[in-house]
Amino acid sequence: MSDRSLILSQTVARSLSRRSLVAAPALLLVVRPAPAQGHPTPSQMRGPYYPMAKPADSDLDLTQVAGRPRRAEGEVIEVTGRVLSAQAGPLAGAVVEIWQADHQGRYHHPRESAGMADPNFQGFGAVRTAAGGAYLFRTIRPRFYGSGGLMRTPHIHFRVAAAGRPELVTQMYFPGETMNARDALFRALPGEAARDALTARRDAADLPRFRFDIVLG
């Protein structure tokens, strides 16, 4: 088994074992109540590729690394939405971080063993929400990686923190992506409502734009 396959198998095993611990919410990164309007967005595990050190360039445009003349390879997309409180509405000033694989399914991370990630792709970005709780990132659509039961569908990791609210770590999935049904972590979400809450909406725009609203408890 390759290093990456081992990491993936450990990640999936940890996630699925936590899925069964509904009675111990303090330990969970996967299970929250199935979302509805005004209910908290479901959490998912951070995964093994969160940056060990934040890159010097970590702005909202992941397609361009400061000091490099070329842009990232892959399909450029925008990811936008609002951060909301289940009780109090839009949250301005919340920190939203994203990290993801590049167009070949590779991460900028020391544990990445599938080859070097695109040097022109940031791989990580962070912003603060504006008035109305709005945020925006420009990035590329990530590729799937792994195979068989260890396959990960295209997804983007999120970490959201706001004063006085519990931190949320979760993952955003893409609508109409056939590989979603093969991803063990996506399938492990507790019901259709939870899967729907973590699937972005495609906006009508010249540039592919995906809307992903986040509700904190």
N, C-alpha and C. Protein backbone atom coordinates (compact mmCIF):
# COMPACT_ATOMS: atom_id res chain seq x y z
N MET A 1 0.85 -1.19 0.00
CA MET A 1 0.00 0.00 0.00
C MET A 1 0.89 1.24 0.00
N SER A 2 0.61 2.20 -0.88
CA SER A 2 1.40 3.41 -0.95
C SER A 2 1.18 4.28 0.28
N ASP A 3 2.10 5.25 0.50
CA ASP A 3 1.95 6.15 1.64
C ASP A 3 0.62 6.88 1.58
N ARG A 4 0.24 7.32 0.39
CA ARG A 4 -1.01 8.07 0.27
C ARG A 4 -2.21 7.17 0.54
N SER A 5 -2.19 5.95 0.02
CA SER A 5 -3.29 5.02 0.28
C SER A 5 -3.41 4.72 1.77
N LEU A 6 -2.27 4.60 2.46
CA LEU A 6 -2.30 4.36 3.90
C LEU A 6 -2.93 5.54 4.63
N ILE A 7 -2.54 6.76 4.24
CA ILE A 7 -3.12 7.96 4.86
C ILE A 7 -4.62 8.01 4.62
N LEU A 8 -5.04 7.71 3.38
CA LEU A 8 -6.46 7.74 3.06
C LEU A 8 -7.23 6.68 3.84
N SER A 9 -6.67 5.48 3.94
CA SER A 9 -7.37 4.42 4.66
C SER A 9 -7.52 4.77 6.14
N GLN A 10 -6.49 5.37 6.73
CA GLN A 10 -6.56 5.79 8.12
C GLN A 10 -7.58 6.90 8.30
N THR A 11 -7.62 7.84 7.34
CA THR A 11 -8.57 8.95 7.41
C THR A 11 -10.00 8.44 7.35
N VAL A 12 -10.28 7.56 6.39
CA VAL A 12 -11.63 7.02 6.24
C VAL A 12 -12.02 6.21 7.47
N ALA A 13 -11.09 5.39 7.97
CA ALA A 13 -11.40 4.56 9.15
C ALA A 13 -11.72 5.42 10.36
N ARG A 14 -10.94 6.48 10.59
CA ARG A 14 -11.21 7.36 11.73
C ARG A 14 -12.56 8.04 11.59
N SER A 15 -12.85 8.50 10.36
CA SER A 15 -14.12 9.19 10.14
C SER A 15 -15.30 8.27 10.37
N LEU A 16 -15.24 7.06 9.83
CA LEU A 16 -16.36 6.14 9.96
C LEU A 16 -16.51 5.64 11.39
N SER A 17 -15.42 5.50 12.12
CA SER A 17 -15.54 5.08 13.52
C SER A 17 -16.18 6.19 14.34
N ARG A 18 -15.85 7.44 14.06
CA ARG A 18 -16.46 8.56 14.77
C ARG A 18 -17.92 8.72 14.41
N ARG A 19 -18.27 8.29 13.21
CA ARG A 19 -19.66 8.40 12.76
C ARG A 19 -20.60 7.65 13.70
N SER A 20 -20.10 6.62 14.37
CA SER A 20 -20.94 5.81 15.24
C SER A 20 -21.03 6.35 16.66
N LEU A 21 -20.30 7.43 16.97
CA LEU A 21 -20.23 7.92 18.34
C LEU A 21 -21.20 9.07 18.57
N VAL A 22 -22.43 8.91 18.15
CA VAL A 22 -23.41 9.98 18.24
C VAL A 22 -23.59 10.45 19.68
N ALA A 23 -23.41 9.58 20.63
CA ALA A 23 -23.63 9.94 22.03
C ALA A 23 -22.49 10.75 22.62
N ALA A 24 -21.39 10.95 21.86
CA ALA A 24 -20.25 11.70 22.37
C ALA A 24 -19.91 12.84 21.44
N PRO A 25 -20.74 13.91 21.36
CA PRO A 25 -20.54 14.96 20.38
C PRO A 25 -19.23 15.69 20.52
N ALA A 26 -18.63 15.74 21.71
CA ALA A 26 -17.37 16.45 21.86
C ALA A 26 -16.25 15.78 21.08
N LEU A 27 -16.41 14.50 20.75
CA LEU A 27 -15.38 13.78 20.02
C LEU A 27 -15.61 13.77 18.53
N LEU A 28 -16.74 14.25 18.09
CA LEU A 28 -17.13 14.06 16.70
C LEU A 28 -16.65 15.17 15.81
N LEU A 29 -16.24 14.80 14.59
CA LEU A 29 -15.99 15.76 13.54
C LEU A 29 -16.88 15.50 12.35
N VAL A 30 -17.68 14.45 12.40
CA VAL A 30 -18.50 14.11 11.26
C VAL A 30 -19.97 14.37 11.52
N VAL A 31 -20.47 14.04 12.69
CA VAL A 31 -21.91 14.01 12.91
C VAL A 31 -22.39 15.26 13.64
N ARG A 32 -23.40 15.90 13.06
CA ARG A 32 -24.22 16.89 13.73
C ARG A 32 -25.64 16.62 13.30
N PRO A 33 -26.63 17.25 13.94
CA PRO A 33 -27.99 17.02 13.49
C PRO A 33 -28.15 17.35 12.01
N ALA A 34 -28.97 16.57 11.32
CA ALA A 34 -29.21 16.83 9.90
C ALA A 34 -29.68 18.26 9.73
N PRO A 35 -29.07 19.03 8.80
CA PRO A 35 -29.35 20.44 8.70
C PRO A 35 -30.67 20.74 8.03
N ALA A 36 -31.24 21.83 8.41
CA ALA A 36 -32.37 22.43 7.73
C ALA A 36 -32.14 23.92 7.80
N GLN A 37 -33.06 24.71 7.28
CA GLN A 37 -32.88 26.14 7.31
C GLN A 37 -32.72 26.61 8.75
N GLY A 38 -31.62 27.33 9.04
CA GLY A 38 -31.37 27.81 10.38
C GLY A 38 -30.67 26.81 11.28
N HIS A 39 -30.37 25.62 10.79
CA HIS A 39 -29.67 24.62 11.59
C HIS A 39 -28.19 24.64 11.24
N PRO A 40 -27.32 24.29 12.19
CA PRO A 40 -25.88 24.33 11.92
C PRO A 40 -25.47 23.45 10.75
N THR A 41 -24.50 23.93 9.99
CA THR A 41 -23.91 23.15 8.91
C THR A 41 -23.21 21.93 9.50
N PRO A 42 -23.38 20.74 8.91
CA PRO A 42 -22.70 19.54 9.43
C PRO A 42 -21.18 19.70 9.37
N SER A 43 -20.50 19.16 10.35
CA SER A 43 -19.04 19.17 10.35
C SER A 43 -18.51 17.89 9.73
N GLN A 44 -17.28 17.96 9.25
CA GLN A 44 -16.54 16.77 8.81
C GLN A 44 -15.11 16.92 9.27
N MET A 45 -14.37 15.83 9.25
CA MET A 45 -13.03 15.83 9.80
C MET A 45 -12.09 16.73 9.00
N ARG A 46 -11.08 17.27 9.69
CA ARG A 46 -10.10 18.17 9.08
C ARG A 46 -9.30 17.47 8.00
N GLY A 47 -9.02 16.19 8.18
CA GLY A 47 -8.22 15.46 7.21
C GLY A 47 -6.74 15.66 7.45
N PRO A 48 -5.90 14.95 6.69
CA PRO A 48 -4.46 14.95 6.96
C PRO A 48 -3.67 16.06 6.30
N TYR A 49 -4.31 16.92 5.48
CA TYR A 49 -3.55 17.85 4.66
C TYR A 49 -3.74 19.32 5.03
N TYR A 50 -4.24 19.60 6.24
CA TYR A 50 -4.29 21.00 6.70
C TYR A 50 -2.85 21.50 6.81
N PRO A 51 -2.58 22.75 6.34
CA PRO A 51 -1.18 23.21 6.30
C PRO A 51 -0.49 23.14 7.67
N MET A 52 0.73 22.63 7.68
CA MET A 52 1.53 22.63 8.90
C MET A 52 2.04 24.04 9.19
N ALA A 53 2.23 24.83 8.13
CA ALA A 53 2.59 26.24 8.25
C ALA A 53 1.81 26.99 7.17
N LYS A 54 1.17 28.08 7.55
CA LYS A 54 0.38 28.84 6.58
C LYS A 54 1.31 29.46 5.53
N PRO A 55 0.95 29.39 4.25
CA PRO A 55 1.79 29.99 3.22
C PRO A 55 1.82 31.51 3.35
N ALA A 56 2.91 32.12 2.88
CA ALA A 56 3.03 33.58 2.95
C ALA A 56 1.92 34.25 2.16
N ASP A 57 1.57 33.67 1.02
CA ASP A 57 0.47 34.19 0.20
C ASP A 57 -0.74 33.31 0.47
N SER A 58 -1.69 33.85 1.18
CA SER A 58 -2.89 33.06 1.53
C SER A 58 -4.14 33.91 1.39
N ASP A 59 -4.18 34.70 0.31
CA ASP A 59 -5.32 35.58 0.09
C ASP A 59 -6.47 34.83 -0.58
N LEU A 60 -7.47 35.58 -1.04
CA LEU A 60 -8.69 34.95 -1.59
C LEU A 60 -8.49 34.36 -2.97
N ASP A 61 -7.41 34.76 -3.68
CA ASP A 61 -7.17 34.25 -5.04
C ASP A 61 -6.12 33.15 -4.99
N LEU A 62 -6.58 31.91 -5.00
CA LEU A 62 -5.66 30.77 -4.93
C LEU A 62 -5.03 30.44 -6.28
N THR A 63 -5.50 31.11 -7.34
CA THR A 63 -5.00 30.80 -8.68
C THR A 63 -3.71 31.53 -9.01
N GLN A 64 -3.26 32.41 -8.13
CA GLN A 64 -2.06 33.21 -8.38
C GLN A 64 -1.23 33.27 -7.11
N VAL A 65 0.02 32.83 -7.20
CA VAL A 65 0.94 32.90 -6.06
C VAL A 65 1.81 34.13 -6.23
N ALA A 66 1.89 34.96 -5.21
CA ALA A 66 2.68 36.19 -5.28
C ALA A 66 4.12 35.89 -5.68
N GLY A 67 4.62 36.64 -6.66
CA GLY A 67 5.99 36.48 -7.11
C GLY A 67 6.18 35.47 -8.22
N ARG A 68 5.11 34.78 -8.62
CA ARG A 68 5.20 33.81 -9.71
C ARG A 68 4.44 34.34 -10.91
N PRO A 69 5.02 34.26 -12.11
CA PRO A 69 4.39 34.89 -13.28
C PRO A 69 3.21 34.11 -13.85
N ARG A 70 3.12 32.82 -13.57
CA ARG A 70 2.07 32.00 -14.16
C ARG A 70 0.96 31.73 -13.15
N ARG A 71 -0.24 31.50 -13.70
CA ARG A 71 -1.37 31.14 -12.85
C ARG A 71 -1.49 29.62 -12.74
N ALA A 72 -2.29 29.20 -11.80
CA ALA A 72 -2.50 27.77 -11.57
C ALA A 72 -3.16 27.12 -12.78
N GLU A 73 -2.84 25.86 -13.01
CA GLU A 73 -3.52 25.09 -14.04
C GLU A 73 -4.87 24.61 -13.51
N GLY A 74 -5.79 24.36 -14.45
CA GLY A 74 -7.10 23.85 -14.06
C GLY A 74 -8.22 24.82 -14.35
N GLU A 75 -9.45 24.36 -14.11
CA GLU A 75 -10.64 25.17 -14.35
C GLU A 75 -10.83 26.17 -13.22
N VAL A 76 -10.79 27.46 -13.56
CA VAL A 76 -10.95 28.51 -12.55
C VAL A 76 -12.42 28.61 -12.15
N ILE A 77 -12.66 28.66 -10.84
CA ILE A 77 -14.02 28.80 -10.31
C ILE A 77 -14.02 29.84 -9.21
N GLU A 78 -15.20 30.31 -8.85
CA GLU A 78 -15.37 31.13 -7.66
C GLU A 78 -16.24 30.37 -6.67
N VAL A 79 -15.88 30.48 -5.41
CA VAL A 79 -16.68 29.91 -4.32
C VAL A 79 -17.09 31.07 -3.43
N THR A 80 -18.38 31.25 -3.27
CA THR A 80 -18.89 32.39 -2.52
C THR A 80 -20.04 31.94 -1.62
N GLY A 81 -20.37 32.76 -0.66
CA GLY A 81 -21.47 32.44 0.23
C GLY A 81 -21.50 33.39 1.40
N ARG A 82 -22.26 33.01 2.43
CA ARG A 82 -22.35 33.81 3.65
C ARG A 82 -22.13 32.91 4.86
N VAL A 83 -21.57 33.49 5.90
CA VAL A 83 -21.47 32.81 7.19
C VAL A 83 -22.57 33.38 8.08
N LEU A 84 -23.39 32.49 8.61
CA LEU A 84 -24.57 32.88 9.37
C LEU A 84 -24.56 32.22 10.74
N SER A 85 -25.26 32.84 11.66
CA SER A 85 -25.54 32.22 12.95
C SER A 85 -26.93 31.63 12.92
N ALA A 86 -27.08 30.46 13.49
CA ALA A 86 -28.40 29.84 13.53
C ALA A 86 -29.39 30.69 14.31
N GLN A 87 -28.87 31.53 15.22
CA GLN A 87 -29.76 32.34 16.06
C GLN A 87 -29.79 33.82 15.66
N ALA A 88 -28.65 34.34 15.14
CA ALA A 88 -28.52 35.80 15.01
C ALA A 88 -28.28 36.29 13.59
N GLY A 89 -28.36 35.44 12.59
CA GLY A 89 -28.22 35.90 11.22
C GLY A 89 -26.78 36.06 10.78
N PRO A 90 -26.49 36.97 9.81
CA PRO A 90 -25.16 37.10 9.21
C PRO A 90 -24.09 37.45 10.23
N LEU A 91 -22.89 36.88 10.03
CA LEU A 91 -21.76 37.12 10.93
C LEU A 91 -20.64 37.81 10.16
N ALA A 92 -20.45 39.09 10.40
CA ALA A 92 -19.33 39.83 9.81
C ALA A 92 -18.07 39.57 10.63
N GLY A 93 -16.91 39.57 9.97
CA GLY A 93 -15.64 39.41 10.66
C GLY A 93 -15.26 37.99 10.99
N ALA A 94 -16.04 37.00 10.54
CA ALA A 94 -15.67 35.60 10.75
C ALA A 94 -14.48 35.25 9.85
N VAL A 95 -13.61 34.39 10.33
CA VAL A 95 -12.47 33.92 9.53
C VAL A 95 -12.88 32.65 8.79
N VAL A 96 -12.69 32.68 7.47
CA VAL A 96 -12.99 31.52 6.63
C VAL A 96 -11.70 31.07 5.97
N GLU A 97 -11.29 29.84 6.21
CA GLU A 97 -10.12 29.25 5.57
C GLU A 97 -10.56 28.12 4.65
N ILE A 98 -9.89 27.99 3.51
CA ILE A 98 -10.09 26.83 2.66
C ILE A 98 -8.74 26.22 2.30
N TRP A 99 -8.72 24.92 2.09
CA TRP A 99 -7.55 24.24 1.54
C TRP A 99 -8.05 23.08 0.70
N GLN A 100 -7.27 22.73 -0.32
CA GLN A 100 -7.77 21.76 -1.29
C GLN A 100 -6.64 21.20 -2.14
N ALA A 101 -6.98 20.15 -2.89
CA ALA A 101 -6.06 19.58 -3.87
C ALA A 101 -6.04 20.44 -5.13
N ASP A 102 -5.00 20.26 -5.93
CA ASP A 102 -4.90 21.01 -7.19
C ASP A 102 -5.60 20.25 -8.32
N HIS A 103 -5.31 20.64 -9.56
CA HIS A 103 -6.00 20.05 -10.72
C HIS A 103 -5.59 18.60 -10.96
N GLN A 104 -4.55 18.13 -10.27
CA GLN A 104 -4.13 16.73 -10.38
C GLN A 104 -4.44 15.94 -9.11
N GLY A 105 -5.17 16.56 -8.18
CA GLY A 105 -5.51 15.87 -6.94
C GLY A 105 -4.38 15.84 -5.93
N ARG A 106 -3.47 16.82 -5.99
CA ARG A 106 -2.32 16.85 -5.09
C ARG A 106 -2.39 18.07 -4.17
N TYR A 107 -1.92 17.87 -2.94
CA TYR A 107 -1.91 18.93 -1.93
C TYR A 107 -0.49 19.48 -1.74
N HIS A 108 -0.42 20.74 -1.33
CA HIS A 108 0.84 21.29 -0.84
C HIS A 108 0.98 20.87 0.63
N HIS A 109 1.66 19.78 0.86
CA HIS A 109 1.78 19.28 2.23
C HIS A 109 2.91 18.26 2.28
N PRO A 110 3.68 18.23 3.38
CA PRO A 110 4.78 17.25 3.48
C PRO A 110 4.33 15.80 3.39
N ARG A 111 3.06 15.51 3.72
CA ARG A 111 2.58 14.13 3.68
C ARG A 111 2.10 13.72 2.29
N GLU A 112 2.09 14.65 1.36
CA GLU A 112 1.66 14.34 -0.01
C GLU A 112 2.72 13.48 -0.68
N SER A 113 2.33 12.28 -1.11
CA SER A 113 3.29 11.35 -1.71
C SER A 113 2.98 11.06 -3.17
N ALA A 114 1.96 11.73 -3.73
CA ALA A 114 1.57 11.45 -5.11
C ALA A 114 2.34 12.29 -6.12
N GLY A 115 3.27 13.11 -5.65
CA GLY A 115 4.01 13.98 -6.54
C GLY A 115 3.85 15.43 -6.12
N MET A 116 4.65 16.30 -6.72
CA MET A 116 4.63 17.70 -6.33
C MET A 116 3.37 18.39 -6.82
N ALA A 117 2.74 19.16 -5.95
CA ALA A 117 1.56 19.94 -6.33
C ALA A 117 1.97 21.10 -7.23
N ASP A 118 1.00 21.65 -7.94
CA ASP A 118 1.23 22.77 -8.85
C ASP A 118 1.87 23.93 -8.08
N PRO A 119 3.10 24.34 -8.44
CA PRO A 119 3.76 25.43 -7.70
C PRO A 119 3.09 26.78 -7.90
N ASN A 120 2.22 26.89 -8.90
CA ASN A 120 1.52 28.14 -9.16
C ASN A 120 0.14 28.19 -8.51
N PHE A 121 -0.14 27.20 -7.69
CA PHE A 121 -1.43 27.14 -6.99
C PHE A 121 -1.19 27.29 -5.50
N GLN A 122 -1.91 28.23 -4.85
CA GLN A 122 -1.71 28.46 -3.42
C GLN A 122 -2.06 27.24 -2.58
N GLY A 123 -3.20 26.63 -2.89
CA GLY A 123 -3.65 25.48 -2.11
C GLY A 123 -4.36 25.82 -0.82
N PHE A 124 -4.20 27.06 -0.35
CA PHE A 124 -4.80 27.51 0.92
C PHE A 124 -5.13 28.99 0.79
N GLY A 125 -6.26 29.39 1.36
CA GLY A 125 -6.63 30.81 1.38
C GLY A 125 -7.43 31.11 2.63
N ALA A 126 -7.40 32.38 3.05
CA ALA A 126 -8.14 32.80 4.23
C ALA A 126 -8.66 34.21 4.03
N VAL A 127 -9.90 34.45 4.44
CA VAL A 127 -10.51 35.77 4.36
C VAL A 127 -11.34 36.00 5.62
N ARG A 128 -11.72 37.27 5.84
CA ARG A 128 -12.72 37.61 6.85
C ARG A 128 -14.00 38.01 6.15
N THR A 129 -15.11 37.60 6.70
CA THR A 129 -16.39 37.92 6.08
C THR A 129 -16.68 39.41 6.17
N ALA A 130 -17.33 39.90 5.12
CA ALA A 130 -17.71 41.30 5.05
C ALA A 130 -19.06 41.50 5.73
N ALA A 131 -19.57 42.73 5.62
CA ALA A 131 -20.91 43.01 6.13
C ALA A 131 -21.89 42.05 5.46
N GLY A 132 -22.83 41.55 6.22
CA GLY A 132 -23.76 40.56 5.69
C GLY A 132 -23.21 39.16 5.72
N GLY A 133 -21.98 38.99 6.26
CA GLY A 133 -21.40 37.65 6.38
C GLY A 133 -20.83 37.08 5.10
N ALA A 134 -20.65 37.92 4.06
CA ALA A 134 -20.25 37.41 2.75
C ALA A 134 -18.76 37.10 2.68
N TYR A 135 -18.42 36.06 1.91
CA TYR A 135 -17.03 35.73 1.61
C TYR A 135 -16.92 35.32 0.14
N LEU A 136 -15.70 35.34 -0.39
CA LEU A 136 -15.46 34.97 -1.78
C LEU A 136 -14.04 34.45 -1.92
N PHE A 137 -13.89 33.35 -2.65
CA PHE A 137 -12.58 32.84 -3.06
C PHE A 137 -12.59 32.60 -4.56
N ARG A 138 -11.44 32.83 -5.18
CA ARG A 138 -11.21 32.38 -6.56
C ARG A 138 -10.19 31.25 -6.49
N THR A 139 -10.54 30.11 -7.07
CA THR A 139 -9.68 28.95 -6.96
C THR A 139 -9.83 28.10 -8.22
N ILE A 140 -9.42 26.86 -8.17
CA ILE A 140 -9.64 25.95 -9.29
C ILE A 140 -10.46 24.77 -8.79
N ARG A 141 -11.15 24.14 -9.71
CA ARG A 141 -11.92 22.96 -9.33
C ARG A 141 -10.95 21.82 -9.07
N PRO A 142 -10.94 21.27 -7.86
CA PRO A 142 -9.98 20.21 -7.56
C PRO A 142 -10.34 18.90 -8.25
N ARG A 143 -9.33 18.08 -8.43
CA ARG A 143 -9.52 16.76 -9.02
C ARG A 143 -9.74 15.74 -7.89
N PHE A 144 -10.41 14.66 -8.24
CA PHE A 144 -10.52 13.55 -7.29
C PHE A 144 -9.15 12.93 -7.08
N TYR A 145 -9.02 12.12 -6.04
CA TYR A 145 -7.78 11.35 -5.85
C TYR A 145 -8.11 10.05 -5.13
N GLY A 146 -7.16 9.13 -5.17
CA GLY A 146 -7.38 7.80 -4.61
C GLY A 146 -8.11 6.91 -5.59
N SER A 147 -8.50 5.73 -5.12
CA SER A 147 -9.21 4.78 -5.98
C SER A 147 -9.99 3.81 -5.11
N GLY A 148 -10.96 3.14 -5.73
CA GLY A 148 -11.75 2.14 -5.03
C GLY A 148 -12.42 2.71 -3.80
N GLY A 149 -12.36 1.98 -2.69
CA GLY A 149 -12.96 2.42 -1.45
C GLY A 149 -12.23 3.57 -0.79
N LEU A 150 -11.04 3.90 -1.31
CA LEU A 150 -10.26 5.00 -0.75
C LEU A 150 -10.31 6.23 -1.65
N MET A 151 -11.28 6.29 -2.55
CA MET A 151 -11.39 7.41 -3.47
C MET A 151 -12.03 8.61 -2.79
N ARG A 152 -11.45 9.80 -3.00
CA ARG A 152 -12.05 11.04 -2.53
C ARG A 152 -12.57 11.82 -3.73
N THR A 153 -13.85 12.14 -3.70
CA THR A 153 -14.47 12.94 -4.73
C THR A 153 -13.92 14.37 -4.66
N PRO A 154 -14.02 15.17 -5.72
CA PRO A 154 -13.58 16.57 -5.62
C PRO A 154 -14.28 17.28 -4.46
N HIS A 155 -13.50 17.97 -3.65
CA HIS A 155 -14.05 18.65 -2.47
C HIS A 155 -13.11 19.75 -2.04
N ILE A 156 -13.62 20.67 -1.24
CA ILE A 156 -12.83 21.76 -0.67
C ILE A 156 -13.04 21.75 0.84
N HIS A 157 -11.95 21.79 1.58
CA HIS A 157 -12.02 21.84 3.04
C HIS A 157 -12.26 23.27 3.52
N PHE A 158 -13.07 23.40 4.56
CA PHE A 158 -13.36 24.70 5.18
C PHE A 158 -13.08 24.64 6.68
N ARG A 159 -12.55 25.74 7.19
CA ARG A 159 -12.49 25.98 8.64
C ARG A 159 -13.04 27.38 8.86
N VAL A 160 -14.04 27.50 9.74
CA VAL A 160 -14.72 28.78 9.97
C VAL A 160 -14.72 29.07 11.46
N ALA A 161 -14.27 30.29 11.82
CA ALA A 161 -14.21 30.68 13.22
C ALA A 161 -14.80 32.08 13.37
N ALA A 162 -15.66 32.25 14.36
CA ALA A 162 -16.27 33.55 14.66
C ALA A 162 -16.34 33.71 16.17
N ALA A 163 -16.17 34.93 16.63
CA ALA A 163 -16.16 35.21 18.07
C ALA A 163 -17.46 34.72 18.72
N GLY A 164 -17.30 33.98 19.80
CA GLY A 164 -18.45 33.53 20.55
C GLY A 164 -19.19 32.35 19.95
N ARG A 165 -18.62 31.76 18.89
CA ARG A 165 -19.27 30.62 18.22
C ARG A 165 -18.31 29.43 18.20
N PRO A 166 -18.84 28.22 18.22
CA PRO A 166 -17.95 27.06 18.07
C PRO A 166 -17.35 27.01 16.67
N GLU A 167 -16.08 26.68 16.60
CA GLU A 167 -15.40 26.56 15.31
C GLU A 167 -16.03 25.42 14.50
N LEU A 168 -16.10 25.63 13.20
CA LEU A 168 -16.61 24.59 12.30
C LEU A 168 -15.52 24.17 11.33
N VAL A 169 -15.29 22.88 11.22
CA VAL A 169 -14.45 22.30 10.18
C VAL A 169 -15.34 21.39 9.35
N THR A 170 -15.34 21.59 8.04
CA THR A 170 -16.23 20.80 7.20
C THR A 170 -15.66 20.71 5.79
N GLN A 171 -16.42 20.13 4.87
CA GLN A 171 -15.99 19.99 3.48
C GLN A 171 -17.15 20.34 2.56
N MET A 172 -16.81 21.00 1.46
CA MET A 172 -17.80 21.37 0.45
C MET A 172 -17.67 20.44 -0.75
N TYR A 173 -18.81 19.96 -1.25
CA TYR A 173 -18.83 19.06 -2.40
C TYR A 173 -19.50 19.75 -3.58
N PHE A 174 -19.32 19.19 -4.77
CA PHE A 174 -19.81 19.81 -6.00
C PHE A 174 -21.08 19.14 -6.49
N PRO A 175 -22.05 19.94 -6.94
CA PRO A 175 -23.31 19.37 -7.43
C PRO A 175 -23.09 18.63 -8.74
N GLY A 176 -23.83 17.54 -8.92
CA GLY A 176 -23.76 16.79 -10.16
C GLY A 176 -22.50 15.98 -10.33
N GLU A 177 -21.67 15.89 -9.31
CA GLU A 177 -20.42 15.13 -9.39
C GLU A 177 -20.71 13.64 -9.16
N THR A 178 -20.50 12.83 -10.20
CA THR A 178 -20.86 11.41 -10.11
C THR A 178 -20.03 10.67 -9.07
N MET A 179 -18.82 11.16 -8.79
CA MET A 179 -17.96 10.47 -7.83
C MET A 179 -18.40 10.67 -6.38
N ASN A 180 -19.32 11.60 -6.13
CA ASN A 180 -19.80 11.78 -4.76
C ASN A 180 -20.34 10.46 -4.19
N ALA A 181 -21.04 9.72 -5.03
CA ALA A 181 -21.66 8.47 -4.58
C ALA A 181 -20.64 7.39 -4.25
N ARG A 182 -19.38 7.57 -4.66
CA ARG A 182 -18.34 6.58 -4.40
C ARG A 182 -17.45 6.97 -3.22
N ASP A 183 -17.65 8.16 -2.68
CA ASP A 183 -16.80 8.67 -1.61
C ASP A 183 -17.36 8.23 -0.25
N ALA A 184 -16.58 7.47 0.50
CA ALA A 184 -17.07 6.92 1.77
C ALA A 184 -17.42 8.01 2.78
N LEU A 185 -16.67 9.12 2.78
CA LEU A 185 -16.96 10.19 3.74
C LEU A 185 -18.23 10.94 3.37
N PHE A 186 -18.47 11.12 2.08
CA PHE A 186 -19.72 11.75 1.65
C PHE A 186 -20.90 10.84 1.97
N ARG A 187 -20.75 9.55 1.67
CA ARG A 187 -21.84 8.61 1.93
C ARG A 187 -22.13 8.47 3.42
N ALA A 188 -21.11 8.68 4.26
CA ALA A 188 -21.29 8.51 5.71
C ALA A 188 -22.07 9.65 6.35
N LEU A 189 -22.30 10.73 5.61
CA LEU A 189 -23.09 11.82 6.18
C LEU A 189 -24.48 11.31 6.55
N PRO A 190 -25.04 11.77 7.68
CA PRO A 190 -26.28 11.19 8.21
C PRO A 190 -27.54 11.68 7.50
N GLY A 191 -27.76 11.19 6.29
CA GLY A 191 -29.01 11.50 5.61
C GLY A 191 -28.87 12.48 4.47
N GLU A 192 -29.92 12.54 3.66
CA GLU A 192 -29.93 13.39 2.47
C GLU A 192 -29.82 14.87 2.83
N ALA A 193 -30.43 15.27 3.93
CA ALA A 193 -30.37 16.68 4.33
C ALA A 193 -28.94 17.12 4.61
N ALA A 194 -28.16 16.27 5.27
CA ALA A 194 -26.76 16.59 5.55
C ALA A 194 -25.94 16.65 4.27
N ARG A 195 -26.16 15.70 3.37
CA ARG A 195 -25.43 15.71 2.10
C ARG A 195 -25.79 16.95 1.29
N ASP A 196 -27.06 17.32 1.32
CA ASP A 196 -27.49 18.52 0.59
C ASP A 196 -26.86 19.77 1.18
N ALA A 197 -26.74 19.84 2.50
CA ALA A 197 -26.17 21.02 3.15
C ALA A 197 -24.70 21.21 2.80
N LEU A 198 -23.98 20.13 2.50
CA LEU A 198 -22.56 20.23 2.17
C LEU A 198 -22.30 20.23 0.67
N THR A 199 -23.34 20.29 -0.13
CA THR A 199 -23.20 20.36 -1.59
C THR A 199 -23.49 21.78 -2.03
N ALA A 200 -22.53 22.40 -2.70
CA ALA A 200 -22.69 23.79 -3.14
C ALA A 200 -23.77 23.90 -4.21
N ARG A 201 -24.25 25.12 -4.41
CA ARG A 201 -25.19 25.41 -5.49
C ARG A 201 -24.44 26.11 -6.62
N ARG A 202 -24.71 25.72 -7.83
CA ARG A 202 -24.08 26.36 -8.99
C ARG A 202 -24.86 27.62 -9.34
N ASP A 203 -24.17 28.78 -9.33
CA ASP A 203 -24.79 30.04 -9.72
C ASP A 203 -24.66 30.22 -11.22
N ALA A 204 -25.61 30.94 -11.80
CA ALA A 204 -25.53 31.28 -13.22
C ALA A 204 -24.57 32.45 -13.36
N ALA A 205 -23.41 32.21 -13.95
CA ALA A 205 -22.40 33.25 -14.14
C ALA A 205 -21.47 32.81 -15.25
N ASP A 206 -20.79 33.80 -15.88
CA ASP A 206 -19.84 33.46 -16.94
C ASP A 206 -18.72 32.57 -16.40
N LEU A 207 -18.18 32.96 -15.24
CA LEU A 207 -17.18 32.14 -14.57
C LEU A 207 -17.92 31.15 -13.68
N PRO A 208 -17.58 29.86 -13.73
CA PRO A 208 -18.26 28.91 -12.84
C PRO A 208 -18.20 29.38 -11.39
N ARG A 209 -19.35 29.55 -10.79
CA ARG A 209 -19.44 30.06 -9.42
C ARG A 209 -20.32 29.11 -8.60
N PHE A 210 -19.82 28.78 -7.42
CA PHE A 210 -20.53 27.87 -6.54
C PHE A 210 -20.83 28.57 -5.22
N ARG A 211 -22.08 28.49 -4.80
CA ARG A 211 -22.50 29.15 -3.56
C ARG A 211 -22.57 28.11 -2.44
N PHE A 212 -21.93 28.47 -1.32
CA PHE A 212 -21.88 27.57 -0.17
C PHE A 212 -22.07 28.41 1.10
N ASP A 213 -23.30 28.45 1.60
CA ASP A 213 -23.60 29.16 2.84
C ASP A 213 -23.30 28.27 4.03
N ILE A 214 -22.81 28.88 5.10
CA ILE A 214 -22.36 28.14 6.28
C ILE A 214 -23.09 28.68 7.50
N VAL A 215 -23.70 27.79 8.26
CA VAL A 215 -24.44 28.18 9.47
C VAL A 215 -23.70 27.65 10.69
N LEU A 216 -23.30 28.56 11.58
CA LEU A 216 -22.63 28.17 12.82
C LEU A 216 -23.65 28.04 13.94
N GLY A 217 -23.38 27.15 14.88
CA GLY A 217 -24.27 26.95 16.00
C GLY A 217 -24.19 28.07 17.03
